[in-house]
N, C-alpha and C. Protein backbone atom coordinates (compact mmCIF):
# COMPACT_ATOMS: atom_id res chain seq x y z
N MET A 1 -154.31 86.81 -96.68
CA MET A 1 -154.09 86.00 -97.86
C MET A 1 -153.68 84.59 -97.42
N ASP A 2 -154.16 83.58 -98.12
CA ASP A 2 -153.84 82.20 -97.83
C ASP A 2 -152.34 81.95 -97.93
N LYS A 3 -151.78 81.23 -96.96
CA LYS A 3 -150.34 81.01 -96.92
C LYS A 3 -149.83 80.22 -98.13
N ASN A 4 -150.66 79.37 -98.73
CA ASN A 4 -150.24 78.64 -99.92
C ASN A 4 -150.14 79.57 -101.13
N ILE A 5 -151.04 80.53 -101.20
CA ILE A 5 -150.96 81.54 -102.27
C ILE A 5 -149.72 82.40 -102.06
N VAL A 6 -149.49 82.80 -100.81
CA VAL A 6 -148.29 83.59 -100.49
C VAL A 6 -147.04 82.82 -100.89
N SER A 7 -146.99 81.55 -100.54
CA SER A 7 -145.85 80.70 -100.88
C SER A 7 -145.63 80.66 -102.39
N GLY A 8 -146.70 80.53 -103.15
CA GLY A 8 -146.59 80.53 -104.60
C GLY A 8 -146.05 81.83 -105.15
N GLU A 9 -146.49 82.94 -104.56
CA GLU A 9 -146.00 84.25 -104.99
C GLU A 9 -144.50 84.40 -104.68
N ILE A 10 -144.08 83.86 -103.55
CA ILE A 10 -142.66 83.91 -103.19
C ILE A 10 -141.84 83.11 -104.20
N VAL A 11 -142.30 81.92 -104.52
CA VAL A 11 -141.58 81.09 -105.49
C VAL A 11 -141.53 81.77 -106.85
N ASP A 12 -142.64 82.32 -107.31
CA ASP A 12 -142.66 83.04 -108.59
C ASP A 12 -141.66 84.20 -108.58
N SER A 13 -141.63 84.92 -107.48
CA SER A 13 -140.70 86.05 -107.37
C SER A 13 -139.25 85.58 -107.35
N ALA A 14 -138.99 84.48 -106.66
CA ALA A 14 -137.63 83.93 -106.62
C ALA A 14 -137.18 83.50 -108.02
N LEU A 15 -138.10 82.91 -108.78
CA LEU A 15 -137.79 82.52 -110.16
C LEU A 15 -137.39 83.74 -110.98
N LYS A 16 -138.15 84.82 -110.82
CA LYS A 16 -137.86 86.05 -111.57
C LYS A 16 -136.51 86.64 -111.18
N VAL A 17 -136.25 86.69 -109.87
CA VAL A 17 -134.98 87.26 -109.39
C VAL A 17 -133.81 86.43 -109.91
N HIS A 18 -133.93 85.12 -109.82
CA HIS A 18 -132.83 84.26 -110.27
C HIS A 18 -132.63 84.35 -111.78
N LYS A 19 -133.71 84.41 -112.52
CA LYS A 19 -133.61 84.53 -113.98
C LYS A 19 -132.90 85.83 -114.35
N THR A 20 -133.17 86.88 -113.61
CA THR A 20 -132.57 88.19 -113.89
C THR A 20 -131.11 88.26 -113.46
N LEU A 21 -130.81 87.78 -112.26
CA LEU A 21 -129.46 87.93 -111.70
C LEU A 21 -128.55 86.75 -111.96
N GLY A 22 -129.12 85.54 -112.02
CA GLY A 22 -128.30 84.35 -112.13
C GLY A 22 -127.63 84.02 -110.80
N PRO A 23 -126.86 82.94 -110.74
CA PRO A 23 -126.18 82.55 -109.51
C PRO A 23 -124.88 83.34 -109.31
N GLY A 24 -124.32 83.23 -108.12
CA GLY A 24 -122.98 83.76 -107.87
C GLY A 24 -122.88 85.07 -107.13
N LEU A 25 -124.01 85.65 -106.73
CA LEU A 25 -123.97 86.92 -105.99
C LEU A 25 -124.11 86.67 -104.50
N LEU A 26 -123.98 87.73 -103.74
CA LEU A 26 -124.16 87.63 -102.29
C LEU A 26 -125.64 87.46 -101.94
N GLU A 27 -125.88 86.83 -100.82
CA GLU A 27 -127.25 86.62 -100.33
C GLU A 27 -128.00 87.94 -100.21
N SER A 28 -127.32 88.98 -99.79
CA SER A 28 -127.97 90.28 -99.59
C SER A 28 -128.54 90.84 -100.89
N ALA A 29 -127.90 90.56 -102.02
CA ALA A 29 -128.42 91.04 -103.31
C ALA A 29 -129.74 90.35 -103.65
N TYR A 30 -129.78 89.04 -103.45
CA TYR A 30 -131.02 88.31 -103.73
C TYR A 30 -132.12 88.73 -102.76
N GLU A 31 -131.75 88.96 -101.51
CA GLU A 31 -132.73 89.38 -100.52
C GLU A 31 -133.37 90.71 -100.91
N ALA A 32 -132.55 91.67 -101.28
CA ALA A 32 -133.07 93.00 -101.66
C ALA A 32 -133.99 92.90 -102.87
N CYS A 33 -133.59 92.13 -103.87
CA CYS A 33 -134.41 92.01 -105.08
C CYS A 33 -135.69 91.23 -104.82
N LEU A 34 -135.62 90.21 -103.99
CA LEU A 34 -136.81 89.44 -103.66
C LEU A 34 -137.79 90.29 -102.87
N ILE A 35 -137.30 91.07 -101.94
CA ILE A 35 -138.17 91.99 -101.20
C ILE A 35 -138.87 92.95 -102.17
N TYR A 36 -138.10 93.50 -103.10
CA TYR A 36 -138.67 94.42 -104.09
C TYR A 36 -139.80 93.74 -104.86
N GLU A 37 -139.57 92.54 -105.34
CA GLU A 37 -140.59 91.82 -106.12
C GLU A 37 -141.84 91.53 -105.28
N LEU A 38 -141.64 91.13 -104.04
CA LEU A 38 -142.79 90.80 -103.18
C LEU A 38 -143.61 92.04 -102.83
N ILE A 39 -142.93 93.15 -102.60
CA ILE A 39 -143.65 94.39 -102.32
C ILE A 39 -144.43 94.84 -103.56
N ARG A 40 -143.86 94.64 -104.74
CA ARG A 40 -144.58 94.96 -105.98
C ARG A 40 -145.87 94.15 -106.09
N LYS A 41 -145.89 92.97 -105.48
CA LYS A 41 -147.09 92.12 -105.49
C LYS A 41 -148.02 92.44 -104.32
N LYS A 42 -147.71 93.53 -103.64
CA LYS A 42 -148.54 94.01 -102.53
C LYS A 42 -148.53 93.07 -101.32
N LEU A 43 -147.44 92.33 -101.15
CA LEU A 43 -147.29 91.48 -99.98
C LEU A 43 -146.55 92.24 -98.89
N VAL A 44 -146.88 91.95 -97.65
CA VAL A 44 -146.19 92.56 -96.52
C VAL A 44 -144.93 91.74 -96.24
N VAL A 45 -143.79 92.40 -96.29
CA VAL A 45 -142.52 91.71 -96.12
C VAL A 45 -141.72 92.38 -95.01
N ARG A 46 -141.26 91.57 -94.10
CA ARG A 46 -140.35 92.06 -93.05
C ARG A 46 -139.05 91.28 -93.21
N SER A 47 -137.94 91.98 -93.12
CA SER A 47 -136.64 91.31 -93.27
C SER A 47 -135.86 91.35 -91.96
N GLN A 48 -135.03 90.33 -91.81
CA GLN A 48 -134.16 90.19 -90.64
C GLN A 48 -134.94 90.35 -89.34
N VAL A 49 -136.00 89.56 -89.24
CA VAL A 49 -136.91 89.62 -88.10
C VAL A 49 -136.29 88.89 -86.91
N GLU A 50 -136.13 89.60 -85.82
CA GLU A 50 -135.56 89.01 -84.61
C GLU A 50 -136.43 87.87 -84.12
N LEU A 51 -135.79 86.76 -83.76
CA LEU A 51 -136.49 85.57 -83.31
C LEU A 51 -135.93 85.13 -81.96
N PRO A 52 -136.59 85.51 -80.87
CA PRO A 52 -136.09 85.11 -79.55
C PRO A 52 -136.40 83.63 -79.28
N ILE A 53 -135.71 83.08 -78.32
CA ILE A 53 -136.05 81.74 -77.86
C ILE A 53 -136.64 81.88 -76.46
N HIS A 54 -137.53 80.98 -76.15
CA HIS A 54 -138.14 80.94 -74.82
C HIS A 54 -137.57 79.73 -74.10
N TYR A 55 -136.91 80.00 -73.00
CA TYR A 55 -136.27 78.95 -72.23
C TYR A 55 -136.83 79.04 -70.81
N GLY A 56 -137.65 78.06 -70.47
CA GLY A 56 -138.34 78.15 -69.19
C GLY A 56 -139.28 79.33 -69.22
N ASP A 57 -139.14 80.21 -68.25
CA ASP A 57 -139.99 81.40 -68.21
C ASP A 57 -139.26 82.65 -68.67
N VAL A 58 -138.16 82.45 -69.41
CA VAL A 58 -137.34 83.58 -69.86
C VAL A 58 -137.36 83.66 -71.39
N LYS A 59 -137.49 84.87 -71.88
CA LYS A 59 -137.37 85.13 -73.31
C LYS A 59 -135.98 85.68 -73.56
N LEU A 60 -135.23 84.99 -74.43
CA LEU A 60 -133.84 85.36 -74.68
C LEU A 60 -133.64 85.78 -76.13
N ASN A 61 -133.12 86.97 -76.32
CA ASN A 61 -132.74 87.43 -77.66
C ASN A 61 -131.27 87.07 -77.85
N VAL A 62 -131.05 86.00 -78.62
CA VAL A 62 -129.69 85.48 -78.76
C VAL A 62 -129.15 85.62 -80.18
N GLY A 63 -129.79 86.45 -80.98
CA GLY A 63 -129.25 86.77 -82.29
C GLY A 63 -129.86 86.05 -83.48
N TYR A 64 -130.87 85.20 -83.25
CA TYR A 64 -131.50 84.52 -84.39
C TYR A 64 -132.36 85.52 -85.15
N ARG A 65 -132.31 85.42 -86.47
CA ARG A 65 -133.09 86.31 -87.32
C ARG A 65 -133.66 85.53 -88.50
N ILE A 66 -134.93 85.76 -88.75
CA ILE A 66 -135.59 85.20 -89.92
C ILE A 66 -135.24 86.11 -91.10
N ASP A 67 -134.73 85.54 -92.18
CA ASP A 67 -134.37 86.38 -93.34
C ASP A 67 -135.56 87.18 -93.81
N LEU A 68 -136.67 86.50 -94.13
CA LEU A 68 -137.88 87.19 -94.56
C LEU A 68 -139.09 86.55 -93.91
N LEU A 69 -140.00 87.38 -93.46
CA LEU A 69 -141.31 86.94 -92.99
C LEU A 69 -142.32 87.61 -93.91
N VAL A 70 -143.06 86.79 -94.65
CA VAL A 70 -143.96 87.32 -95.67
C VAL A 70 -145.41 87.12 -95.23
N SER A 71 -146.12 88.23 -95.19
CA SER A 71 -147.54 88.25 -94.80
C SER A 71 -147.79 87.58 -93.46
N ASN A 72 -146.80 87.62 -92.59
CA ASN A 72 -146.88 87.03 -91.25
C ASN A 72 -147.28 85.56 -91.27
N THR A 73 -147.05 84.88 -92.41
CA THR A 73 -147.45 83.48 -92.52
C THR A 73 -146.37 82.55 -93.05
N VAL A 74 -145.41 83.08 -93.81
CA VAL A 74 -144.39 82.23 -94.43
C VAL A 74 -143.00 82.74 -94.06
N ILE A 75 -142.18 81.83 -93.54
CA ILE A 75 -140.78 82.12 -93.26
C ILE A 75 -139.97 81.79 -94.50
N VAL A 76 -139.07 82.69 -94.88
CA VAL A 76 -138.19 82.45 -96.02
C VAL A 76 -136.76 82.55 -95.53
N GLU A 77 -136.02 81.48 -95.72
CA GLU A 77 -134.60 81.46 -95.39
C GLU A 77 -133.82 81.42 -96.69
N LEU A 78 -132.95 82.41 -96.89
CA LEU A 78 -132.19 82.54 -98.12
C LEU A 78 -130.78 82.00 -97.94
N LYS A 79 -130.29 81.36 -98.98
CA LYS A 79 -128.92 80.84 -98.98
C LYS A 79 -128.29 81.11 -100.33
N THR A 80 -126.97 81.19 -100.33
CA THR A 80 -126.18 81.20 -101.55
C THR A 80 -125.01 80.24 -101.31
N VAL A 81 -125.34 78.97 -101.27
CA VAL A 81 -124.35 77.94 -100.94
C VAL A 81 -124.25 76.95 -102.10
N GLU A 82 -123.15 76.21 -102.11
CA GLU A 82 -122.94 75.22 -103.17
C GLU A 82 -123.99 74.12 -103.11
N LYS A 83 -124.38 73.75 -101.89
CA LYS A 83 -125.32 72.65 -101.72
C LYS A 83 -126.08 72.84 -100.41
N ILE A 84 -127.38 72.60 -100.44
CA ILE A 84 -128.17 72.63 -99.21
C ILE A 84 -127.78 71.42 -98.37
N LEU A 85 -127.44 71.67 -97.13
CA LEU A 85 -127.03 70.62 -96.20
C LEU A 85 -128.14 70.38 -95.18
N PRO A 86 -128.10 69.25 -94.50
CA PRO A 86 -129.10 68.99 -93.45
C PRO A 86 -129.16 70.09 -92.39
N ILE A 87 -128.05 70.75 -92.10
CA ILE A 87 -128.05 71.81 -91.09
C ILE A 87 -128.89 73.00 -91.55
N HIS A 88 -128.93 73.26 -92.85
CA HIS A 88 -129.76 74.35 -93.38
C HIS A 88 -131.24 74.01 -93.21
N GLU A 89 -131.57 72.76 -93.47
CA GLU A 89 -132.95 72.31 -93.28
C GLU A 89 -133.33 72.36 -91.80
N ALA A 90 -132.41 71.95 -90.94
CA ALA A 90 -132.67 72.01 -89.49
C ALA A 90 -132.87 73.45 -89.04
N GLN A 91 -132.14 74.37 -89.62
CA GLN A 91 -132.26 75.78 -89.26
C GLN A 91 -133.67 76.30 -89.53
N ILE A 92 -134.18 76.08 -90.73
CA ILE A 92 -135.51 76.61 -91.03
C ILE A 92 -136.58 75.89 -90.20
N LEU A 93 -136.41 74.61 -89.98
CA LEU A 93 -137.38 73.89 -89.13
C LEU A 93 -137.36 74.43 -87.71
N SER A 94 -136.19 74.76 -87.20
CA SER A 94 -136.09 75.35 -85.86
C SER A 94 -136.74 76.73 -85.81
N TYR A 95 -136.52 77.52 -86.85
CA TYR A 95 -137.14 78.85 -86.91
C TYR A 95 -138.66 78.74 -86.95
N MET A 96 -139.15 77.76 -87.69
CA MET A 96 -140.59 77.55 -87.76
C MET A 96 -141.14 77.16 -86.39
N LYS A 97 -140.45 76.26 -85.72
CA LYS A 97 -140.88 75.82 -84.39
C LYS A 97 -140.86 76.98 -83.39
N LEU A 98 -139.78 77.76 -83.39
CA LEU A 98 -139.65 78.88 -82.46
C LEU A 98 -140.70 79.96 -82.71
N SER A 99 -141.05 80.16 -83.98
CA SER A 99 -141.99 81.23 -84.33
C SER A 99 -143.45 80.80 -84.24
N GLY A 100 -143.69 79.49 -84.24
CA GLY A 100 -145.06 78.99 -84.24
C GLY A 100 -145.69 78.98 -85.62
N LEU A 101 -144.91 79.25 -86.65
CA LEU A 101 -145.42 79.22 -88.02
C LEU A 101 -145.14 77.86 -88.63
N ASN A 102 -146.04 77.41 -89.50
CA ASN A 102 -145.89 76.04 -90.00
C ASN A 102 -145.55 75.92 -91.48
N LEU A 103 -145.22 77.04 -92.14
CA LEU A 103 -144.83 76.99 -93.55
C LEU A 103 -143.56 77.78 -93.76
N GLY A 104 -142.58 77.14 -94.37
CA GLY A 104 -141.31 77.80 -94.62
C GLY A 104 -140.74 77.43 -95.98
N LEU A 105 -139.99 78.35 -96.54
CA LEU A 105 -139.29 78.11 -97.80
C LEU A 105 -137.80 78.34 -97.60
N LEU A 106 -137.03 77.40 -98.06
CA LEU A 106 -135.58 77.51 -98.07
C LEU A 106 -135.18 77.72 -99.52
N LEU A 107 -134.60 78.88 -99.82
CA LEU A 107 -134.26 79.24 -101.20
C LEU A 107 -132.76 79.38 -101.35
N ASN A 108 -132.16 78.54 -102.17
CA ASN A 108 -130.74 78.63 -102.47
C ASN A 108 -130.57 79.21 -103.87
N PHE A 109 -130.01 80.40 -103.95
CA PHE A 109 -129.86 81.08 -105.23
C PHE A 109 -128.57 80.70 -105.96
N ASN A 110 -127.71 79.94 -105.32
CA ASN A 110 -126.43 79.58 -105.93
C ASN A 110 -126.54 78.26 -106.70
N VAL A 111 -127.51 78.20 -107.60
CA VAL A 111 -127.74 77.02 -108.43
C VAL A 111 -127.96 77.48 -109.87
N LEU A 112 -127.75 76.57 -110.82
CA LEU A 112 -127.97 76.93 -112.22
C LEU A 112 -129.44 77.12 -112.53
N ARG A 113 -130.29 76.24 -111.97
CA ARG A 113 -131.74 76.34 -112.14
C ARG A 113 -132.36 76.48 -110.76
N ILE A 114 -133.04 77.57 -110.55
CA ILE A 114 -133.57 77.89 -109.21
C ILE A 114 -134.51 76.81 -108.68
N ARG A 115 -135.20 76.12 -109.56
CA ARG A 115 -136.10 75.05 -109.10
C ARG A 115 -135.34 74.02 -108.25
N GLU A 116 -134.05 73.84 -108.56
CA GLU A 116 -133.22 72.91 -107.78
C GLU A 116 -132.88 73.47 -106.40
N GLY A 117 -133.08 74.76 -106.22
CA GLY A 117 -132.71 75.42 -104.97
C GLY A 117 -133.89 75.75 -104.07
N ILE A 118 -135.06 75.25 -104.39
CA ILE A 118 -136.26 75.58 -103.61
C ILE A 118 -136.70 74.36 -102.81
N ARG A 119 -136.84 74.57 -101.50
CA ARG A 119 -137.37 73.52 -100.63
C ARG A 119 -138.50 74.12 -99.80
N ARG A 120 -139.61 73.39 -99.75
CA ARG A 120 -140.79 73.83 -98.99
C ARG A 120 -140.94 72.93 -97.78
N PHE A 121 -141.20 73.54 -96.62
CA PHE A 121 -141.33 72.80 -95.38
C PHE A 121 -142.67 73.11 -94.73
N ILE A 122 -143.33 72.07 -94.24
CA ILE A 122 -144.59 72.21 -93.52
C ILE A 122 -144.45 71.38 -92.25
N ILE A 123 -144.80 72.01 -91.11
CA ILE A 123 -144.80 71.25 -89.85
C ILE A 123 -146.17 71.35 -89.20
């Protein structure tokens, strides 16, 4: 499936989850519900995907994890923070670089209107 279509399905699902739950819950609650919605749409979803770094000729597993990898094409980083900070944006960009994937979504569910909490990144 085209990564732009996948991205649209993720955003639609995030809208539904946020409309149903509202802000103020733990990230894990939004993650579980978003996974449920994406699977209902027949998308392949992997959660907490280990992301090693390659340093020289060594592969190091140092604890980085992608919140969601959807259809092996889109990285989704979930947040429940008061405000998206530059470090959050740097995090998803780093994950995209390390994984070799060029499309990512940063979703902050701790907002009154979810549209304000969605950021799309392309590298």
